[in-house]
C-alpha atoms as a PDB file:
ATOM      1  CA  MET A   1      14.412  38.641  60.800  1.00  0.00           C
ATOM      2  CA  HIS A   2      12.086  37.936  58.184  1.00  0.00           C
ATOM      3  CA  MET A   3      13.804  40.033  55.420  1.00  0.00           C
ATOM      4  CA  GLN A   4      16.810  38.721  56.382  1.00  0.00           C
ATOM      5  CA  TRP A   5      15.954  35.404  56.182  1.00  0.00           C
ATOM      6  CA  ILE A   6      14.460  35.359  52.789  1.00  0.00           C
ATOM      7  CA  ASN A   7      17.600  37.461  51.480  1.00  0.00           C
ATOM      8  CA  SER A   8      19.769  34.382  52.735  1.00  0.00           C
ATOM      9  CA  TYR A   9      17.548  32.245  50.466  1.00  0.00           C
ATOM     10  CA  ARG A  10      17.168  34.475  47.302  1.00  0.00           C
ATOM     11  CA  ILE A  11      20.895  33.460  45.845  1.00  0.00           C
ATOM     12  CA  PRO A  12      20.481  29.856  45.849  1.00  0.00           C
ATOM     13  CA  PHE A  13      16.376  30.094  43.760  1.00  0.00           C
ATOM     14  CA  LEU A  14      18.271  32.595  41.211  1.00  0.00           C
ATOM     15  CA  THR A  15      20.880  29.812  40.772  1.00  0.00           C
ATOM     16  CA  LEU A  16      18.045  27.080  40.463  1.00  0.00           C
ATOM     17  CA  ILE A  17      16.371  29.325  37.573  1.00  0.00           C
ATOM     18  CA  SER A  18      19.828  29.300  35.609  1.00  0.00           C
ATOM     19  CA  TYR A  19      19.725  25.626  35.824  1.00  0.00           C
ATOM     20  CA  VAL A  20      16.367  25.551  34.429  1.00  0.00           C
ATOM     21  CA  PRO A  21      17.518  25.615  30.558  1.00  0.00           C
ATOM     22  CA  ILE A  22      20.546  23.237  31.305  1.00  0.00           C
ATOM     23  CA  VAL A  23      18.233  20.607  32.845  1.00  0.00           C
ATOM     24  CA  ALA A  24      15.795  21.045  29.818  1.00  0.00           C
ATOM     25  CA  THR A  25      18.860  20.575  27.974  1.00  0.00           C
ATOM     26  CA  VAL A  26      19.790  17.454  29.259  1.00  0.00           C
ATOM     27  CA  VAL A  27      16.108  15.994  29.167  1.00  0.00           C
ATOM     28  CA  THR A  28      15.672  16.709  25.774  1.00  0.00           C
ATOM     29  CA  CYS A  29      19.162  15.166  24.492  1.00  0.00           C
ATOM     30  CA  PHE A  30      18.020  12.064  26.306  1.00  0.00           C
ATOM     31  CA  PHE A  31      14.441  11.868  24.656  1.00  0.00           C
ATOM     32  CA  SER A  32      16.312  12.674  21.470  1.00  0.00           C
ATOM     33  CA  VAL A  33      18.700   9.790  22.042  1.00  0.00           C
ATOM     34  CA  VAL A  34      15.628   7.310  22.698  1.00  0.00           C
ATOM     35  CA  LEU A  35      13.246   8.640  19.749  1.00  0.00           C
ATOM     36  CA  ALA A  36      16.691   8.095  17.574  1.00  0.00           C
ATOM     37  CA  ARG A  37      17.463   4.590  19.027  1.00  0.00           C
ATOM     38  CA  ALA A  38      13.552   3.562  18.394  1.00  0.00           C
ATOM     39  CA  THR A  39      13.887   4.917  14.686  1.00  0.00           C
ATOM     40  CA  LEU A  40      17.006   2.920  13.732  1.00  0.00           C
ATOM     41  CA  ARG A  41      14.840  -0.019  15.299  1.00  0.00           C
ATOM     42  CA  TYR A  42      11.744   0.568  13.312  1.00  0.00           C
ATOM     43  CA  VAL A  43      14.050   1.260   9.912  1.00  0.00           C
ATOM     44  CA  GLU A  44      16.089  -2.362  10.761  1.00  0.00           C
ATOM     45  CA  ALA A  45      12.500  -4.482  11.076  1.00  0.00           C
ATOM     46  CA  THR A  46      11.123  -2.409   8.514  1.00  0.00           C
ATOM     47  CA  ASP A  47      14.391  -3.437   6.121  1.00  0.00           C
ATOM     48  CA  LYS A  48      13.597  -6.980   7.241  1.00  0.00           C
ATOM     49  CA  GLY A  49      10.081  -6.965   6.495  1.00  0.00           C
ATOM     50  CA  LEU A  50      11.220  -5.489   2.775  1.00  0.00           C
ATOM     51  CA  ALA A  51      13.629  -7.974   2.233  1.00  0.00           C
ATOM     52  CA  LEU A  52      11.179 -10.877   3.405  1.00  0.00           C
ATOM     53  CA  ALA A  53       8.635  -9.538   1.151  1.00  0.00           C
ATOM     54  CA  ARG A  54      10.645  -9.210  -2.102  1.00  0.00           C
ATOM     55  CA  GLU A  55      12.380 -12.892  -1.125  1.00  0.00           C
ATOM     56  CA  GLU A  56       8.778 -14.162  -0.935  1.00  0.00           C
ATOM     57  CA  PHE A  57       8.065 -11.952  -4.194  1.00  0.00           C
ATOM     58  CA  GLU A  58      11.157 -13.313  -6.030  1.00  0.00           C
ATOM     59  CA  ARG A  59      10.303 -17.302  -4.914  1.00  0.00           C
ATOM     60  CA  GLU A  60       6.668 -17.168  -5.993  1.00  0.00           C
ATOM     61  CA  TRP A  61       7.149 -15.155  -9.049  1.00  0.00           C
ATOM     62  CA  SER A  62      10.066 -16.370 -10.586  1.00  0.00           C
ATOM     63  CA  PRO A  63      10.323 -18.597 -13.257  1.00  0.00           C
ATOM     64  CA  ASP A  64      10.883 -22.365 -12.373  1.00  0.00           C
ATOM     65  CA  LEU A  65       9.985 -25.485 -14.313  1.00  0.00           C
ATOM     66  CA  HIS A  66      10.591 -28.775 -13.282  1.00  0.00           C
ATOM     67  CA  ILE A  67      10.666 -32.049 -15.818  1.00  0.00           C
ATOM     68  CA  LYS A  68      10.276 -35.779 -15.347  1.00  0.00           C
ATOM     69  CA  LEU A  69      10.389 -38.426 -17.592  1.00  0.00           C
ATOM     70  CA  GLU A  70       7.742 -41.027 -17.055  1.00  0.00           C
ATOM     71  CA  ARG A  71       7.210 -44.668 -18.576  1.00  0.00           C
ATOM     72  CA  VAL A  72       3.888 -45.054 -20.002  1.00  0.00           C
ATOM     73  CA  SER A  73       4.745 -49.096 -21.700  1.00  0.00           C
ATOM     74  CA  ALA A  74       7.417 -50.772 -23.139  1.00  0.00           C
ATOM     75  CA  THR A  75       7.464 -48.897 -26.168  1.00  0.00           C
ATOM     76  CA  GLU A  76       6.171 -45.385 -24.892  1.00  0.00           C
ATOM     77  CA  ALA A  77       7.197 -42.643 -22.110  1.00  0.00           C
ATOM     78  CA  ARG A  78       6.008 -39.073 -21.550  1.00  0.00           C
ATOM     79  CA  VAL A  79       7.234 -35.656 -20.831  1.00  0.00           C
ATOM     80  CA  ILE A  80       5.828 -34.280 -17.682  1.00  0.00           C
ATOM     81  CA  VAL A  81       7.066 -30.474 -17.260  1.00  0.00           C
ATOM     82  CA  THR A  82       5.138 -28.593 -14.167  1.00  0.00           C
ATOM     83  CA  ASN A  83       5.110 -24.766 -13.732  1.00  0.00           C
ATOM     84  CA  LEU A  84       6.208 -24.310  -9.823  1.00  0.00           C
ATOM     85  CA  ALA A  85       5.837 -20.679 -10.093  1.00  0.00           C
ATOM     86  CA  LYS A  86       2.561 -18.133 -10.692  1.00  0.00           C
ATOM     87  CA  SER A  87       3.997 -16.553 -13.734  1.00  0.00           C
ATOM     88  CA  SER A  88       2.821 -17.808 -17.105  1.00  0.00           C
ATOM     89  CA  VAL A  89       5.553 -19.138 -19.488  1.00  0.00           C
ATOM     90  CA  LEU A  90       6.037 -20.240 -23.180  1.00  0.00           C
ATOM     91  CA  LEU A  91       7.447 -23.420 -23.866  1.00  0.00           C
ATOM     92  CA  GLN A  92       9.920 -22.960 -26.930  1.00  0.00           C
ATOM     93  CA  LEU A  93      12.176 -25.993 -26.957  1.00  0.00           C
ATOM     94  CA  LEU A  94      12.725 -29.380 -24.869  1.00  0.00           C
ATOM     95  CA  GLN A  95      15.981 -31.279 -25.440  1.00  0.00           C
ATOM     96  CA  LEU A  96      16.801 -34.519 -24.755  1.00  0.00           C
ATOM     97  CA  ARG A  97      20.385 -35.848 -24.630  1.00  0.00           C
ATOM     98  CA  LYS A  98      22.561 -38.873 -22.841  1.00  0.00           C
ATOM     99  CA  LEU A  99      25.237 -37.616 -20.373  1.00  0.00           C
ATOM    100  CA  SER A 100      28.125 -39.294 -22.203  1.00  0.00           C
ATOM    101  CA  HIS A 101      27.233 -36.752 -25.771  1.00  0.00           C
ATOM    102  CA  ALA A 102      28.128 -33.386 -24.890  1.00  0.00           C
ATOM    103  CA  THR A 103      25.283 -31.835 -27.189  1.00  0.00           C
ATOM    104  CA  PRO A 104      21.659 -32.615 -27.150  1.00  0.00           C
ATOM    105  CA  PHE A 105      20.419 -35.635 -29.431  1.00  0.00           C
ATOM    106  CA  GLU A 106      16.951 -34.392 -30.348  1.00  0.00           C
ATOM    107  CA  ARG A 107      15.374 -31.236 -29.885  1.00  0.00           C
ATOM    108  CA  CYS A 108      11.297 -30.787 -29.985  1.00  0.00           C
ATOM    109  CA  ARG A 109      10.378 -27.449 -30.822  1.00  0.00           C
ATOM    110  CA  LEU A 110       7.186 -26.387 -29.301  1.00  0.00           C
ATOM    111  CA  ASN A 111       4.980 -23.133 -28.893  1.00  0.00           C
ATOM    112  CA  ASP A 112       2.790 -24.256 -26.183  1.00  0.00           C
ATOM    113  CA  PRO A 113       1.554 -21.867 -23.075  1.00  0.00           C
ATOM    114  CA  LEU A 114       1.921 -22.892 -19.467  1.00  0.00           C
ATOM    115  CA  VAL A 115       0.102 -21.364 -16.505  1.00  0.00           C
ATOM    116  CA  GLY A 116       1.203 -21.180 -13.294  1.00  0.00           C
ATOM    117  CA  GLY A 117       0.784 -23.997 -11.272  1.00  0.00           C
ATOM    118  CA  MET A 118      -0.189 -26.052 -13.827  1.00  0.00           C
ATOM    119  CA  THR A 119       1.443 -29.429 -15.787  1.00  0.00           C
ATOM    120  CA  TRP A 120       2.254 -29.811 -19.637  1.00  0.00           C
ATOM    121  CA  THR A 121       2.803 -33.438 -20.692  1.00  0.00           C
ATOM    122  CA  GLN A 122       3.452 -35.005 -24.313  1.00  0.00           C
ATOM    123  CA  GLU A 123       4.414 -38.900 -25.494  1.00  0.00           C
ATOM    124  CA  MET A 124       8.400 -38.806 -26.404  1.00  0.00           C
ATOM    125  CA  GLY A 125       8.726 -42.578 -26.700  1.00  0.00           C
ATOM    126  CA  ARG A 126       9.505 -42.698 -30.258  1.00  0.00           C
ATOM    127  CA  ARG A 127      12.040 -39.448 -29.613  1.00  0.00           C
ATOM    128  CA  ILE A 128      13.498 -40.848 -26.174  1.00  0.00           C
ATOM    129  CA  LEU A 129      14.276 -44.609 -27.998  1.00  0.00           C
ATOM    130  CA  ALA A 130      16.087 -42.479 -30.990  1.00  0.00           C
ATOM    131  CA  CYS A 131      18.204 -40.804 -28.623  1.00  0.00           C
ATOM    132  CA  THR A 132      19.004 -43.896 -26.528  1.00  0.00           C
ATOM    133  CA  GLY A 133      19.131 -46.524 -29.236  1.00  0.00           C
ATOM    134  CA  ALA A 134      18.086 -49.954 -29.047  1.00  0.00           C
ATOM    135  CA  GLU A 135      20.479 -51.366 -26.411  1.00  0.00           C
ATOM    136  CA  PHE A 136      20.968 -48.561 -23.253  1.00  0.00           C
ATOM    137  CA  GLU A 137      21.322 -48.342 -19.637  1.00  0.00           C
ATOM    138  CA  GLY A 138      22.511 -45.584 -17.930  1.00  0.00           C
ATOM    139  CA  PRO A 139      21.239 -41.766 -17.494  1.00  0.00           C
ATOM    140  CA  ILE A 140      19.320 -39.362 -19.693  1.00  0.00           C
ATOM    141  CA  ALA A 141      18.599 -35.764 -19.367  1.00  0.00           C
ATOM    142  CA  ALA A 142      16.057 -33.187 -20.642  1.00  0.00           C
ATOM    143  CA  SER A 143      16.217 -29.152 -20.661  1.00  0.00           C
ATOM    144  CA  MET A 144      13.591 -27.155 -21.395  1.00  0.00           C
ATOM    145  CA  THR A 145      13.716 -23.644 -23.158  1.00  0.00           C
ATOM    146  CA  PHE A 146      11.112 -21.254 -22.307  1.00  0.00           C
ATOM    147  CA  TYR A 147       9.802 -17.301 -22.690  1.00  0.00           C
ATOM    148  CA  ALA A 148       8.859 -15.795 -19.024  1.00  0.00           C
ATOM    149  CA  ALA A 149       8.221 -12.047 -18.640  1.00  0.00           C
ATOM    150  CA  GLY A 150      10.061 -10.974 -22.205  1.00  0.00           C
ATOM    151  CA  ARG A 151      13.023 -13.098 -21.237  1.00  0.00           C
ATOM    152  CA  MET A 152      14.534 -16.335 -21.996  1.00  0.00           C
ATOM    153  CA  PHE A 153      15.097 -19.212 -20.123  1.00  0.00           C
ATOM    154  CA  ARG A 154      16.296 -22.222 -19.989  1.00  0.00           C
ATOM    155  CA  THR A 155      15.890 -24.668 -17.240  1.00  0.00           C
ATOM    156  CA  ASP A 156      18.977 -27.300 -15.778  1.00  0.00           C
ATOM    157  CA  TRP A 157      19.333 -30.369 -16.908  1.00  0.00           C
ATOM    158  CA  PHE A 158      16.972 -33.282 -15.392  1.00  0.00           C
ATOM    159  CA  ARG A 159      18.550 -36.690 -15.205  1.00  0.00           C
ATOM    160  CA  SER A 160      16.303 -40.029 -15.308  1.00  0.00           C
ATOM    161  CA  GLN A 161      18.003 -43.561 -15.240  1.00  0.00           C
ATOM    162  CA  ILE A 162      16.650 -45.815 -18.294  1.00  0.00           C
ATOM    163  CA  GLN A 163      16.938 -48.956 -19.636  1.00  0.00           C
ATOM    164  CA  VAL A 164      16.285 -49.619 -23.055  1.00  0.00           C
ATOM    165  CA  ARG A 165      16.489 -53.440 -24.005  1.00  0.00           C
ATOM    166  CA  ASP A 166      15.729 -54.452 -27.612  1.00  0.00           C
ATOM    167  CA  GLY A 167      14.158 -51.087 -28.358  1.00  0.00           C
ATOM    168  CA  ARG A 168      11.885 -51.480 -25.491  1.00  0.00           C
ATOM    169  CA  ILE A 169      11.779 -49.180 -22.456  1.00  0.00           C
ATOM    170  CA  VAL A 170      12.305 -51.618 -19.482  1.00  0.00           C
ATOM    171  CA  LYS A 171      13.026 -48.878 -17.195  1.00  0.00           C
ATOM    172  CA  LEU A 172      12.558 -45.136 -16.744  1.00  0.00           C
ATOM    173  CA  GLU A 173      12.815 -43.485 -13.388  1.00  0.00           C
ATOM    174  CA  PRO A 174      14.253 -39.758 -12.501  1.00  0.00           C
ATOM    175  CA  SER A 175      17.202 -39.790 -10.654  1.00  0.00           C
ATOM    176  CA  ASN A 176      17.926 -36.285  -9.092  1.00  0.00           C
ATOM    177  CA  MET A 177      16.983 -32.992  -8.679  1.00  0.00           C
ATOM    178  CA  PRO A 178      19.341 -30.070 -10.656  1.00  0.00           C
ATOM    179  CA  ALA A 179      21.594 -28.231  -8.878  1.00  0.00           C
ATOM    180  CA  ARG A 180      21.020 -24.851 -10.117  1.00  0.00           C
ATOM    181  CA  ARG A 181      17.482 -22.891 -11.091  1.00  0.00           C
ATOM    182  CA  VAL A 182      16.518 -21.611 -14.405  1.00  0.00           C
ATOM    183  CA  ARG A 183      19.271 -18.993 -16.110  1.00  0.00           C
ATOM    184  CA  VAL A 184      18.802 -16.569 -18.923  1.00  0.00           C
ATOM    185  CA  VAL A 185      19.750 -17.567 -22.330  1.00  0.00           C
ATOM    186  CA  GLU A 186      21.435 -14.761 -23.822  1.00  0.00           C
ATOM    187  CA  ARG A 187      20.267 -12.847 -26.736  1.00  0.00           C
ATOM    188  CA  LYS A 188      22.964 -12.116 -29.462  1.00  0.00           C
ATOM    189  CA  GLY A 189      20.701  -9.494 -31.494  1.00  0.00           C
ATOM    190  CA  PRO A 190      17.420  -7.843 -31.842  1.00  0.00           C
ATOM    191  CA  GLU A 191      15.844 -10.004 -33.531  1.00  0.00           C
ATOM    192  CA  ARG A 192      16.866 -13.267 -32.030  1.00  0.00           C
ATOM    193  CA  ARG A 193      13.335 -14.210 -30.920  1.00  0.00           C
ATOM    194  CA  ARG A 194      11.259 -14.371 -34.168  1.00  0.00           C
ATOM    195  CA  GLU A 195      13.320 -17.580 -35.268  1.00  0.00           C
ATOM    196  CA  PHE A 196      11.197 -19.621 -32.434  1.00  0.00           C
ATOM    197  CA  VAL A 197       8.444 -17.886 -31.235  1.00  0.00           C
ATOM    198  CA  GLN A 198       4.906 -17.992 -33.802  1.00  0.00           C
ATOM    199  CA  ASP A 199       2.311 -16.614 -33.435  1.00  0.00           C
ATOM    200  CA  VAL A 200      -1.167 -18.818 -32.792  1.00  0.00           C
ATOM    201  CA  THR A 201      -3.256 -16.935 -34.340  1.00  0.00           C
ATOM    202  CA  ALA A 202      -1.556 -15.571 -37.446  1.00  0.00           C
ATOM    203  CA  ASP A 203      -0.555 -17.508 -40.665  1.00  0.00           C
ATOM    204  CA  VAL A 204       2.953 -18.218 -41.292  1.00  0.00           C
ATOM    205  CA  ALA A 205       4.000 -16.383 -43.986  1.00  0.00           C
ATOM    206  CA  PRO A 206       4.794 -18.203 -47.152  1.00  0.00           C
ATOM    207  CA  ASP A 207       8.994 -16.989 -47.430  1.00  0.00           C
ATOM    208  CA  LYS A 208       9.559 -18.018 -43.951  1.00  0.00           C
ATOM    209  CA  ILE A 209       8.022 -21.688 -44.446  1.00  0.00           C
ATOM    210  CA  ASP A 210      11.255 -23.150 -45.542  1.00  0.00           C
ATOM    211  CA  LYS A 211      13.523 -20.948 -42.964  1.00  0.00           C
ATOM    212  CA  LYS A 212      15.424 -22.812 -40.391  1.00  0.00           C
ATOM    213  CA  PRO A 213      16.073 -21.354 -37.150  1.00  0.00           C
ATOM    214  CA  ASP A 214      19.744 -21.472 -36.050  1.00  0.00           C
ATOM    215  CA  GLU A 215      20.235 -24.143 -33.279  1.00  0.00           C
ATOM    216  CA  ASN A 216      23.387 -23.027 -32.075  1.00  0.00           C
ATOM    217  CA  PHE A 217      21.725 -20.189 -30.036  1.00  0.00           C
ATOM    218  CA  PHE A 218      20.980 -22.454 -27.418  1.00  0.00           C
ATOM    219  CA  VAL A 219      23.803 -23.102 -25.197  1.00  0.00           C
ATOM    220  CA  THR A 220      24.377 -26.850 -24.124  1.00  0.00           C
ATOM    221  CA  GLY A 221      25.881 -27.868 -21.145  1.00  0.00           C
ATOM    222  CA  ALA A 222      25.729 -30.343 -18.116  1.00  0.00           C
END
């Protein structure tokens, strides 16, 4: 009887042995799916982290200037330019205009570096009064063109409300922030930069003293 009992359980045991590869395949597939889902979640988290890091990097290092017109006295006012980014820039051209005019009335050529997080100021009372005239009340706008990372940028127009009476500045207050960030100014030739940038450590060549830059290079508009 003992041998019969063994023979009765031999077939189910062999059948169970044959199911082992199938069970192993199912378990392998299950763990493969689990690992694939974990890998996808890790890739998504990595992509989000890279996107946040890229956004933070662009926000910190992309050039961004803030311009403010401030009244000093009845005959004097100053322009305050703040570099909100970490990268340094080279100020090139400050433009002033009344919003009723399509083109800038005053252009002040510069060649001043501005380190990130620092402020640049300059007295502009005479130029502002030349732009507004002896009697004026309304908005006046300022824009800055500058170099950063080998490219030329231009800020949007920063507006201020000004009141001038008898050639005296009665009121000068900022009115609003610009709606757009700085934009890249497209150059129309490989040698265009030479007309605006001067090396502060080198002497100006005598044959280039009377050379007048092409002022049509700077795009104007509100």
